Amino acid sequence: MLTGTRRGDLYVWHETRLWRRLRAHEGPLQSIARCATPADDGSGFATGGADGAVLLWHALTPPQP
């Protein structure tokens, strides 16, 4: 499960526990969407923020600008 904050943080949850907090955007995180990866294993996603940036993420790697 993924959630975002008004400060631009991305929270990654494992069951009911916060597993990781990542600084994603400068300003509110406005959207999170699943996206395909080459392995199509469900681990890719994109975030969009009020800063005008769209970041592509993979569960095992940092975001790509």
N, C-alpha and C. Protein backbone atom coordinates (compact mmCIF):
# COMPACT_ATOMS: atom_id res chain seq x y z
N MET A 1 0.85 -1.17 0.00
CA MET A 1 0.00 0.00 0.00
C MET A 1 0.89 1.23 0.00
N LEU A 2 0.51 2.22 -0.76
CA LEU A 2 1.24 3.49 -0.85
C LEU A 2 0.29 4.63 -0.52
N THR A 3 0.78 5.61 0.22
CA THR A 3 0.02 6.83 0.47
C THR A 3 0.96 8.02 0.36
N GLY A 4 0.40 9.19 0.10
CA GLY A 4 1.20 10.40 -0.02
C GLY A 4 0.74 11.46 0.95
N THR A 5 1.60 12.46 1.17
CA THR A 5 1.28 13.52 2.12
C THR A 5 1.30 14.89 1.46
N ARG A 6 0.78 15.88 2.17
CA ARG A 6 0.82 17.26 1.69
C ARG A 6 2.24 17.81 1.66
N ARG A 7 3.14 17.21 2.43
CA ARG A 7 4.54 17.65 2.45
C ARG A 7 5.35 17.03 1.31
N GLY A 8 4.76 16.11 0.57
CA GLY A 8 5.45 15.48 -0.55
C GLY A 8 6.11 14.16 -0.22
N ASP A 9 5.81 13.62 0.97
CA ASP A 9 6.38 12.33 1.35
C ASP A 9 5.54 11.19 0.78
N LEU A 10 6.22 10.10 0.53
CA LEU A 10 5.57 8.87 0.07
C LEU A 10 5.73 7.84 1.18
N TYR A 11 4.62 7.30 1.66
CA TYR A 11 4.65 6.28 2.71
C TYR A 11 4.41 4.92 2.08
N VAL A 12 5.27 3.98 2.42
CA VAL A 12 5.14 2.60 1.95
C VAL A 12 4.76 1.75 3.16
N TRP A 13 3.63 1.06 3.05
CA TRP A 13 3.08 0.29 4.16
C TRP A 13 3.24 -1.20 3.91
N HIS A 14 3.50 -1.93 4.97
CA HIS A 14 3.47 -3.40 4.94
C HIS A 14 2.42 -3.82 5.95
N GLU A 15 1.34 -4.34 5.46
CA GLU A 15 0.17 -4.65 6.28
C GLU A 15 -0.26 -3.38 7.01
N THR A 16 -0.22 -3.34 8.33
CA THR A 16 -0.66 -2.15 9.05
C THR A 16 0.50 -1.31 9.60
N ARG A 17 1.71 -1.62 9.18
CA ARG A 17 2.88 -0.90 9.69
C ARG A 17 3.55 -0.07 8.59
N LEU A 18 3.97 1.12 9.00
CA LEU A 18 4.73 1.96 8.07
C LEU A 18 6.11 1.34 7.89
N TRP A 19 6.43 0.95 6.65
CA TRP A 19 7.68 0.28 6.36
C TRP A 19 8.76 1.28 5.98
N ARG A 20 8.37 2.30 5.20
CA ARG A 20 9.35 3.25 4.70
C ARG A 20 8.72 4.59 4.41
N ARG A 21 9.45 5.67 4.68
CA ARG A 21 9.02 7.02 4.33
C ARG A 21 10.07 7.60 3.39
N LEU A 22 9.62 8.05 2.23
CA LEU A 22 10.52 8.58 1.21
C LEU A 22 10.13 10.01 0.87
N ARG A 23 11.11 10.87 0.71
CA ARG A 23 10.86 12.23 0.24
C ARG A 23 10.69 12.15 -1.27
N ALA A 24 9.50 12.43 -1.76
CA ALA A 24 9.19 12.24 -3.18
C ALA A 24 9.11 13.57 -3.93
N HIS A 25 8.42 14.57 -3.38
CA HIS A 25 8.16 15.81 -4.10
C HIS A 25 8.33 17.01 -3.20
N GLU A 26 8.60 18.15 -3.83
CA GLU A 26 8.64 19.44 -3.13
C GLU A 26 7.24 20.01 -3.15
N GLY A 27 6.48 19.75 -2.13
CA GLY A 27 5.08 20.15 -2.09
C GLY A 27 4.19 18.93 -2.11
N PRO A 28 2.88 19.13 -2.11
CA PRO A 28 1.94 18.02 -1.99
C PRO A 28 2.11 16.95 -3.07
N LEU A 29 2.01 15.71 -2.64
CA LEU A 29 1.97 14.59 -3.56
C LEU A 29 0.52 14.45 -4.00
N GLN A 30 0.26 14.56 -5.29
CA GLN A 30 -1.11 14.63 -5.77
C GLN A 30 -1.64 13.35 -6.39
N SER A 31 -0.75 12.47 -6.84
CA SER A 31 -1.26 11.25 -7.46
C SER A 31 -0.23 10.12 -7.36
N ILE A 32 -0.76 8.91 -7.31
CA ILE A 32 0.04 7.68 -7.33
C ILE A 32 -0.67 6.73 -8.27
N ALA A 33 0.09 6.14 -9.20
CA ALA A 33 -0.52 5.19 -10.14
C ALA A 33 0.43 4.03 -10.40
N ARG A 34 -0.12 2.84 -10.49
CA ARG A 34 0.66 1.67 -10.85
C ARG A 34 1.03 1.76 -12.33
N CYS A 35 2.24 1.35 -12.66
CA CYS A 35 2.63 1.31 -14.07
C CYS A 35 3.43 0.04 -14.34
N ALA A 36 3.44 -0.37 -15.56
CA ALA A 36 4.10 -1.62 -15.95
C ALA A 36 5.61 -1.48 -15.88
N THR A 37 6.26 -2.58 -15.55
CA THR A 37 7.72 -2.69 -15.59
C THR A 37 8.06 -3.75 -16.63
N PRO A 38 9.32 -3.83 -17.05
CA PRO A 38 9.67 -4.86 -18.04
C PRO A 38 9.27 -6.27 -17.59
N ALA A 39 9.37 -6.55 -16.30
CA ALA A 39 8.99 -7.87 -15.79
C ALA A 39 7.48 -7.95 -15.53
N ASP A 40 6.80 -6.80 -15.57
CA ASP A 40 5.37 -6.69 -15.28
C ASP A 40 5.01 -7.45 -14.00
N ASP A 41 5.82 -7.21 -12.96
CA ASP A 41 5.61 -7.89 -11.69
C ASP A 41 4.82 -7.06 -10.70
N GLY A 42 4.26 -5.92 -11.13
CA GLY A 42 3.43 -5.11 -10.26
C GLY A 42 4.19 -4.18 -9.34
N SER A 43 5.51 -4.09 -9.52
CA SER A 43 6.31 -3.30 -8.58
C SER A 43 6.63 -1.90 -9.09
N GLY A 44 6.11 -1.51 -10.25
CA GLY A 44 6.35 -0.17 -10.77
C GLY A 44 5.20 0.77 -10.48
N PHE A 45 5.53 2.03 -10.19
CA PHE A 45 4.49 3.02 -9.97
C PHE A 45 5.04 4.40 -10.28
N ALA A 46 4.15 5.35 -10.45
CA ALA A 46 4.52 6.73 -10.74
C ALA A 46 3.84 7.62 -9.70
N THR A 47 4.53 8.72 -9.37
CA THR A 47 3.93 9.72 -8.48
C THR A 47 3.97 11.07 -9.20
N GLY A 48 2.97 11.87 -8.93
CA GLY A 48 2.91 13.23 -9.45
C GLY A 48 2.70 14.20 -8.31
N GLY A 49 3.39 15.32 -8.38
CA GLY A 49 3.29 16.28 -7.29
C GLY A 49 2.95 17.68 -7.76
N ALA A 50 2.61 18.54 -6.80
CA ALA A 50 2.31 19.93 -7.09
C ALA A 50 3.54 20.67 -7.62
N ASP A 51 4.71 20.07 -7.47
CA ASP A 51 5.94 20.68 -7.99
C ASP A 51 6.06 20.52 -9.51
N GLY A 52 5.10 19.84 -10.13
CA GLY A 52 5.09 19.65 -11.58
C GLY A 52 5.90 18.45 -12.05
N ALA A 53 6.47 17.70 -11.12
CA ALA A 53 7.29 16.55 -11.48
C ALA A 53 6.48 15.27 -11.46
N VAL A 54 6.82 14.37 -12.38
CA VAL A 54 6.30 13.01 -12.37
C VAL A 54 7.52 12.11 -12.19
N LEU A 55 7.50 11.27 -11.16
CA LEU A 55 8.62 10.37 -10.88
C LEU A 55 8.20 8.94 -11.12
N LEU A 56 9.08 8.18 -11.75
CA LEU A 56 8.86 6.75 -11.97
C LEU A 56 9.64 5.98 -10.92
N TRP A 57 8.98 5.04 -10.27
CA TRP A 57 9.57 4.29 -9.18
C TRP A 57 9.51 2.79 -9.47
N HIS A 58 10.43 2.07 -8.88
CA HIS A 58 10.39 0.62 -8.85
C HIS A 58 10.68 0.22 -7.42
N ALA A 59 10.09 -0.81 -6.93
CA ALA A 59 10.24 -1.19 -5.53
C ALA A 59 11.69 -1.39 -5.12
N LEU A 60 12.56 -1.73 -6.06
CA LEU A 60 13.95 -2.05 -5.71
C LEU A 60 14.95 -0.94 -6.06
N THR A 61 14.49 0.11 -6.72
CA THR A 61 15.42 1.17 -7.15
C THR A 61 14.88 2.54 -6.80
N PRO A 62 15.76 3.56 -6.71
CA PRO A 62 15.30 4.92 -6.47
C PRO A 62 14.55 5.49 -7.68
N PRO A 63 13.82 6.60 -7.50
CA PRO A 63 13.06 7.17 -8.62
C PRO A 63 13.98 7.75 -9.68
N GLN A 64 13.48 7.77 -10.91
CA GLN A 64 14.20 8.36 -12.03
C GLN A 64 13.61 9.72 -12.32
N PRO A 65 14.42 10.80 -12.37
CA PRO A 65 13.87 12.15 -12.63
C PRO A 65 13.30 12.28 -14.03
